[in-house]
């Protein structure tokens, strides 16, 4: 039997990939937390970074884009 990863949402474990099991079968497992939701960057953090750039007065942020491309 292979390891199945799932996401817990609204009281239900949802597998992240197809699982080959018969419909309505019972399974038993011991959930192991791989990462917590707080580990992911929240949109609030992203917006905070973007607002700092916007408030810098430098509004043409793409002006030097090609300098950092391979």
PDB file of N, CA and C in Angstrom:
ATOM      1  N   UNK A   1       0.852  -1.168   0.000  1.00  0.00           N
ATOM      2  CA  UNK A   1       0.000   0.000   0.000  1.00  0.00           C
ATOM      3  C   UNK A   1       0.906   1.242   0.000  1.00  0.00           C
ATOM      4  N   UNK A   2       0.562   2.238  -0.799  1.00  0.00           N
ATOM      5  CA  UNK A   2       1.377   3.442  -0.875  1.00  0.00           C
ATOM      6  C   UNK A   2       0.844   4.521   0.061  1.00  0.00           C
ATOM      7  N   UNK A   3       1.682   5.500   0.357  1.00  0.00           N
ATOM      8  CA  UNK A   3       1.285   6.624   1.193  1.00  0.00           C
ATOM      9  C   UNK A   3       0.429   7.580   0.382  1.00  0.00           C
ATOM     10  N   UNK A   4      -0.656   8.029   0.978  1.00  0.00           N
ATOM     11  CA  UNK A   4      -1.570   8.964   0.319  1.00  0.00           C
ATOM     12  C   UNK A   4      -1.514  10.286   1.067  1.00  0.00           C
ATOM     13  N   UNK A   5      -1.263  11.367   0.349  1.00  0.00           N
ATOM     14  CA  UNK A   5      -1.306  12.690   0.965  1.00  0.00           C
ATOM     15  C   UNK A   5      -2.683  13.289   0.736  1.00  0.00           C
ATOM     16  N   UNK A   6      -3.162  14.040   1.720  1.00  0.00           N
ATOM     17  CA  UNK A   6      -4.490  14.635   1.634  1.00  0.00           C
ATOM     18  C   UNK A   6      -4.475  16.018   2.266  1.00  0.00           C
ATOM     19  N   UNK A   7      -5.488  16.791   1.933  1.00  0.00           N
ATOM     20  CA  UNK A   7      -5.692  18.110   2.527  1.00  0.00           C
ATOM     21  C   UNK A   7      -6.977  18.040   3.331  1.00  0.00           C
ATOM     22  N   UNK A   8      -6.936  18.542   4.546  1.00  0.00           N
ATOM     23  CA  UNK A   8      -8.107  18.535   5.418  1.00  0.00           C
ATOM     24  C   UNK A   8      -8.852  19.848   5.242  1.00  0.00           C
ATOM     25  N   UNK A   9     -10.091  19.784   4.727  1.00  0.00           N
ATOM     26  CA  UNK A   9     -10.916  20.966   4.492  1.00  0.00           C
ATOM     27  C   UNK A   9     -12.345  20.678   4.925  1.00  0.00           C
ATOM     28  N   UNK A  10     -12.918  21.587   5.679  1.00  0.00           N
ATOM     29  CA  UNK A  10     -14.321  21.488   6.068  1.00  0.00           C
ATOM     30  C   UNK A  10     -14.681  20.120   6.649  1.00  0.00           C
ATOM     31  N   UNK A  11     -13.793  19.573   7.467  1.00  0.00           N
ATOM     32  CA  UNK A  11     -14.079  18.310   8.134  1.00  0.00           C
ATOM     33  C   UNK A  11     -13.873  17.066   7.298  1.00  0.00           C
ATOM     34  N   UNK A  12     -13.260  17.218   6.099  1.00  0.00           N
ATOM     35  CA  UNK A  12     -13.074  16.082   5.188  1.00  0.00           C
ATOM     36  C   UNK A  12     -11.618  16.024   4.732  1.00  0.00           C
ATOM     37  N   UNK A  13     -11.054  14.811   4.695  1.00  0.00           N
ATOM     38  CA  UNK A  13      -9.716  14.624   4.129  1.00  0.00           C
ATOM     39  C   UNK A  13      -9.863  14.420   2.627  1.00  0.00           C
ATOM     40  N   UNK A  14      -9.246  15.293   1.828  1.00  0.00           N
ATOM     41  CA  UNK A  14      -9.339  15.224   0.366  1.00  0.00           C
ATOM     42  C   UNK A  14      -7.967  14.836  -0.190  1.00  0.00           C
ATOM     43  N   UNK A  15      -7.853  13.646  -0.820  1.00  0.00           N
ATOM     44  CA  UNK A  15      -6.572  13.213  -1.381  1.00  0.00           C
ATOM     45  C   UNK A  15      -6.080  14.208  -2.435  1.00  0.00           C
ATOM     46  N   UNK A  16      -4.762  14.396  -2.505  1.00  0.00           N
ATOM     47  CA  UNK A  16      -4.190  15.319  -3.482  1.00  0.00           C
ATOM     48  C   UNK A  16      -3.961  14.671  -4.838  1.00  0.00           C
ATOM     49  N   UNK A  17      -4.170  13.364  -4.934  1.00  0.00           N
ATOM     50  CA  UNK A  17      -4.057  12.644  -6.207  1.00  0.00           C
ATOM     51  C   UNK A  17      -5.038  11.476  -6.180  1.00  0.00           C
ATOM     52  N   UNK A  18      -5.352  10.900  -7.347  1.00  0.00           N
ATOM     53  CA  UNK A  18      -6.314   9.782  -7.375  1.00  0.00           C
ATOM     54  C   UNK A  18      -5.870   8.615  -6.482  1.00  0.00           C
ATOM     55  N   UNK A  19      -6.848   7.968  -5.856  1.00  0.00           N
ATOM     56  CA  UNK A  19      -6.585   6.842  -4.965  1.00  0.00           C
ATOM     57  C   UNK A  19      -7.342   5.632  -5.505  1.00  0.00           C
ATOM     58  N   UNK A  20      -6.663   4.494  -5.598  1.00  0.00           N
ATOM     59  CA  UNK A  20      -7.296   3.274  -6.105  1.00  0.00           C
ATOM     60  C   UNK A  20      -7.872   2.470  -4.954  1.00  0.00           C
ATOM     61  N   UNK A  21      -9.093   2.825  -4.556  1.00  0.00           N
ATOM     62  CA  UNK A  21      -9.824   2.117  -3.506  1.00  0.00           C
ATOM     63  C   UNK A  21     -11.271   1.960  -3.957  1.00  0.00           C
ATOM     64  N   UNK A  22     -11.935   0.905  -3.506  1.00  0.00           N
ATOM     65  CA  UNK A  22     -13.352   0.765  -3.862  1.00  0.00           C
ATOM     66  C   UNK A  22     -14.180   1.860  -3.187  1.00  0.00           C
ATOM     67  N   UNK A  23     -15.245   2.274  -3.857  1.00  0.00           N
ATOM     68  CA  UNK A  23     -16.139   3.299  -3.303  1.00  0.00           C
ATOM     69  C   UNK A  23     -16.715   2.832  -1.963  1.00  0.00           C
ATOM     70  N   UNK A  24     -16.862   3.758  -1.065  1.00  0.00           N
ATOM     71  CA  UNK A  24     -17.468   3.549   0.250  1.00  0.00           C
ATOM     72  C   UNK A  24     -16.726   2.561   1.133  1.00  0.00           C
ATOM     73  N   UNK A  25     -15.459   2.285   0.840  1.00  0.00           N
ATOM     74  CA  UNK A  25     -14.699   1.407   1.724  1.00  0.00           C
ATOM     75  C   UNK A  25     -14.210   2.216   2.928  1.00  0.00           C
ATOM     76  N   UNK A  26     -13.994   1.523   4.007  1.00  0.00           N
ATOM     77  CA  UNK A  26     -13.472   2.181   5.209  1.00  0.00           C
ATOM     78  C   UNK A  26     -11.963   2.039   5.215  1.00  0.00           C
ATOM     79  N   UNK A  27     -11.290   3.089   5.624  1.00  0.00           N
ATOM     80  CA  UNK A  27      -9.835   3.057   5.752  1.00  0.00           C
ATOM     81  C   UNK A  27      -9.462   3.559   7.138  1.00  0.00           C
ATOM     82  N   UNK A  28      -8.264   3.247   7.548  1.00  0.00           N
ATOM     83  CA  UNK A  28      -7.755   3.700   8.836  1.00  0.00           C
ATOM     84  C   UNK A  28      -6.390   4.326   8.600  1.00  0.00           C
ATOM     85  N   UNK A  29      -6.155   5.466   9.218  1.00  0.00           N
ATOM     86  CA  UNK A  29      -4.848   6.099   9.072  1.00  0.00           C
ATOM     87  C   UNK A  29      -4.568   6.975  10.276  1.00  0.00           C
ATOM     88  N   UNK A  30      -3.301   7.283  10.473  1.00  0.00           N
ATOM     89  CA  UNK A  30      -2.859   8.191  11.529  1.00  0.00           C
ATOM     90  C   UNK A  30      -2.375   9.469  10.849  1.00  0.00           C
ATOM     91  N   UNK A  31      -3.154  10.548  10.916  1.00  0.00           N
ATOM     92  CA  UNK A  31      -2.745  11.784  10.245  1.00  0.00           C
ATOM     93  C   UNK A  31      -1.416  12.306  10.800  1.00  0.00           C
ATOM     94  N   UNK A  32      -0.548  12.739   9.895  1.00  0.00           N
ATOM     95  CA  UNK A  32       0.749  13.315  10.249  1.00  0.00           C
ATOM     96  C   UNK A  32       0.832  14.655   9.541  1.00  0.00           C
ATOM     97  N   UNK A  33       0.972  15.737  10.284  1.00  0.00           N
ATOM     98  CA  UNK A  33       1.010  17.082   9.733  1.00  0.00           C
ATOM     99  C   UNK A  33       2.305  17.295   8.947  1.00  0.00           C
ATOM    100  N   UNK A  34       2.184  17.603   7.637  1.00  0.00           N
ATOM    101  CA  UNK A  34       3.352  17.852   6.797  1.00  0.00           C
ATOM    102  C   UNK A  34       3.765  19.312   6.847  1.00  0.00           C
ATOM    103  N   UNK A  35       2.792  20.198   6.851  1.00  0.00           N
ATOM    104  CA  UNK A  35       3.055  21.617   7.032  1.00  0.00           C
ATOM    105  C   UNK A  35       1.780  22.255   7.555  1.00  0.00           C
ATOM    106  N   UNK A  36       1.937  23.322   8.282  1.00  0.00           N
ATOM    107  CA  UNK A  36       0.751  23.981   8.822  1.00  0.00           C
ATOM    108  C   UNK A  36       0.374  25.151   7.922  1.00  0.00           C
ATOM    109  N   UNK A  37      -0.878  25.543   7.931  1.00  0.00           N
ATOM    110  CA  UNK A  37      -1.306  26.668   7.095  1.00  0.00           C
ATOM    111  C   UNK A  37      -0.507  27.935   7.377  1.00  0.00           C
ATOM    112  N   UNK A  38       0.009  28.097   8.589  1.00  0.00           N
ATOM    113  CA  UNK A  38       0.777  29.296   8.909  1.00  0.00           C
ATOM    114  C   UNK A  38       2.139  29.293   8.221  1.00  0.00           C
ATOM    115  N   UNK A  39       2.597  28.129   7.712  1.00  0.00           N
ATOM    116  CA  UNK A  39       3.868  28.056   7.003  1.00  0.00           C
ATOM    117  C   UNK A  39       3.798  28.741   5.646  1.00  0.00           C
ATOM    118  N   UNK A  40       2.626  28.754   5.052  1.00  0.00           N
ATOM    119  CA  UNK A  40       2.464  29.362   3.733  1.00  0.00           C
ATOM    120  C   UNK A  40       2.393  30.881   3.868  1.00  0.00           C
ATOM    121  N   UNK A  41       2.898  31.570   2.855  1.00  0.00           N
ATOM    122  CA  UNK A  41       2.843  33.023   2.856  1.00  0.00           C
ATOM    123  C   UNK A  41       1.402  33.461   2.667  1.00  0.00           C
ATOM    124  N   UNK A  42       0.930  34.296   3.561  1.00  0.00           N
ATOM    125  CA  UNK A  42      -0.439  34.761   3.440  1.00  0.00           C
ATOM    126  C   UNK A  42      -0.499  35.924   2.463  1.00  0.00           C
ATOM    127  N   UNK A  43      -1.679  36.166   1.928  1.00  0.00           N
ATOM    128  CA  UNK A  43      -1.852  37.298   1.014  1.00  0.00           C
ATOM    129  C   UNK A  43      -1.600  38.613   1.724  1.00  0.00           C
ATOM    130  N   UNK A  44      -1.883  38.678   3.016  1.00  0.00           N
ATOM    131  CA  UNK A  44      -1.617  39.904   3.764  1.00  0.00           C
ATOM    132  C   UNK A  44      -0.133  40.261   3.707  1.00  0.00           C
ATOM    133  N   UNK A  45       0.742  39.240   3.819  1.00  0.00           N
ATOM    134  CA  UNK A  45       2.183  39.480   3.745  1.00  0.00           C
ATOM    135  C   UNK A  45       2.581  39.959   2.355  1.00  0.00           C
ATOM    136  N   UNK A  46       1.993  39.365   1.332  1.00  0.00           N
ATOM    137  CA  UNK A  46       2.293  39.756  -0.043  1.00  0.00           C
ATOM    138  C   UNK A  46       1.864  41.197  -0.282  1.00  0.00           C
ATOM    139  N   UNK A  47       0.643  41.534   0.150  1.00  0.00           N
ATOM    140  CA  UNK A  47       0.149  42.903  -0.037  1.00  0.00           C
ATOM    141  C   UNK A  47       0.992  43.908   0.740  1.00  0.00           C
ATOM    142  N   UNK A  48       1.491  43.526   1.903  1.00  0.00           N
ATOM    143  CA  UNK A  48       2.350  44.427   2.684  1.00  0.00           C
ATOM    144  C   UNK A  48       3.633  44.732   1.917  1.00  0.00           C
ATOM    145  N   UNK A  49       4.215  43.714   1.305  1.00  0.00           N
ATOM    146  CA  UNK A  49       5.438  43.920   0.517  1.00  0.00           C
ATOM    147  C   UNK A  49       5.143  44.799  -0.695  1.00  0.00           C
ATOM    148  N   UNK A  50       4.046  44.512  -1.378  1.00  0.00           N
ATOM    149  CA  UNK A  50       3.692  45.301  -2.557  1.00  0.00           C
ATOM    150  C   UNK A  50       3.392  46.750  -2.200  1.00  0.00           C
ATOM    151  N   UNK A  51       2.758  46.987  -1.062  1.00  0.00           N
ATOM    152  CA  UNK A  51       2.436  48.367  -0.692  1.00  0.00           C
ATOM    153  C   UNK A  51       3.698  49.140  -0.363  1.00  0.00           C
ATOM    154  N   UNK A  52       4.728  48.483   0.193  1.00  0.00           N
ATOM    155  CA  UNK A  52       5.998  49.171   0.453  1.00  0.00           C
ATOM    156  C   UNK A  52       6.615  49.632  -0.856  1.00  0.00           C
ATOM    157  N   UNK A  53       6.554  48.791  -1.866  1.00  0.00           N
ATOM    158  CA  UNK A  53       7.112  49.152  -3.175  1.00  0.00           C
ATOM    159  C   UNK A  53       6.317  50.299  -3.786  1.00  0.00           C
ATOM    160  N   UNK A  54       5.002  50.239  -3.666  1.00  0.00           N
ATOM    161  CA  UNK A  54       4.149  51.279  -4.233  1.00  0.00           C
ATOM    162  C   UNK A  54       4.399  52.615  -3.543  1.00  0.00           C
ATOM    163  N   UNK A  55       4.573  52.589  -2.233  1.00  0.00           N
ATOM    164  CA  UNK A  55       4.784  53.811  -1.462  1.00  0.00           C
ATOM    165  C   UNK A  55       6.195  54.370  -1.614  1.00  0.00           C
ATOM    166  N   UNK A  56       7.080  53.644  -2.305  1.00  0.00           N
ATOM    167  CA  UNK A  56       8.457  54.109  -2.465  1.00  0.00           C
ATOM    168  C   UNK A  56       8.563  55.262  -3.448  1.00  0.00           C
ATOM    169  N   UNK A  57       7.520  55.464  -4.269  1.00  0.00           N
ATOM    170  CA  UNK A  57       7.557  56.528  -5.266  1.00  0.00           C
ATOM    171  C   UNK A  57       8.091  56.051  -6.604  1.00  0.00           C
ATOM    172  N   UNK A  58       8.675  54.859  -6.646  1.00  0.00           N
ATOM    173  CA  UNK A  58       9.191  54.307  -7.900  1.00  0.00           C
ATOM    174  C   UNK A  58       8.077  53.473  -8.524  1.00  0.00           C
ATOM    175  N   UNK A  59       7.272  54.085  -9.387  1.00  0.00           N
ATOM    176  CA  UNK A  59       6.091  53.412  -9.918  1.00  0.00           C
ATOM    177  C   UNK A  59       6.374  52.580 -11.167  1.00  0.00           C
ATOM    178  N   UNK A  60       7.492  52.785 -11.823  1.00  0.00           N
ATOM    179  CA  UNK A  60       7.812  51.989 -13.009  1.00  0.00           C
ATOM    180  C   UNK A  60       8.710  50.836 -12.583  1.00  0.00           C
ATOM    181  N   UNK A  61       8.116  49.840 -11.925  1.00  0.00           N
ATOM    182  CA  UNK A  61       8.905  48.739 -11.368  1.00  0.00           C
ATOM    183  C   UNK A  61       9.445  47.795 -12.440  1.00  0.00           C
ATOM    184  N   UNK A  62       8.924  47.863 -13.659  1.00  0.00           N
ATOM    185  CA  UNK A  62       9.397  46.980 -14.730  1.00  0.00           C
ATOM    186  C   UNK A  62      10.543  47.600 -15.523  1.00  0.00           C
ATOM    187  N   UNK A  63      10.901  48.825 -15.217  1.00  0.00           N
ATOM    188  CA  UNK A  63      11.915  49.553 -15.984  1.00  0.00           C
ATOM    189  C   UNK A  63      13.238  48.785 -16.082  1.00  0.00           C
ATOM    190  N   UNK A  64      13.655  48.140 -14.980  1.00  0.00           N
ATOM    191  CA  UNK A  64      14.952  47.449 -14.959  1.00  0.00           C
ATOM    192  C   UNK A  64      14.785  45.931 -14.960  1.00  0.00           C
ATOM    193  N   UNK A  65      13.634  45.461 -15.395  1.00  0.00           N
ATOM    194  CA  UNK A  65      13.322  44.033 -15.358  1.00  0.00           C
ATOM    195  C   UNK A  65      14.360  43.183 -16.081  1.00  0.00           C
ATOM    196  N   UNK A  66      14.777  43.563 -17.261  1.00  0.00           N
ATOM    197  CA  UNK A  66      15.667  42.738 -18.079  1.00  0.00           C
ATOM    198  C   UNK A  66      17.080  42.641 -17.533  1.00  0.00           C
ATOM    199  N   UNK A  67      17.467  43.495 -16.621  1.00  0.00           N
ATOM    200  CA  UNK A  67      18.810  43.430 -16.040  1.00  0.00           C
ATOM    201  C   UNK A  67      19.036  42.150 -15.264  1.00  0.00           C
ATOM    202  N   UNK A  68      17.974  41.561 -14.756  1.00  0.00           N
ATOM    203  CA  UNK A  68      18.096  40.389 -13.894  1.00  0.00           C
ATOM    204  C   UNK A  68      17.681  39.095 -14.578  1.00  0.00           C
ATOM    205  N   UNK A  69      17.485  39.137 -15.866  1.00  0.00           N
ATOM    206  CA  UNK A  69      17.082  37.942 -16.611  1.00  0.00           C
ATOM    207  C   UNK A  69      18.318  37.251 -17.183  1.00  0.00           C
ATOM    208  N   UNK A  70      18.301  35.937 -17.241  1.00  0.00           N
ATOM    209  CA  UNK A  70      19.462  35.193 -17.793  1.00  0.00           C
ATOM    210  C   UNK A  70      19.628  35.399 -19.271  1.00  0.00           C
TER     211      UNK A  70
END
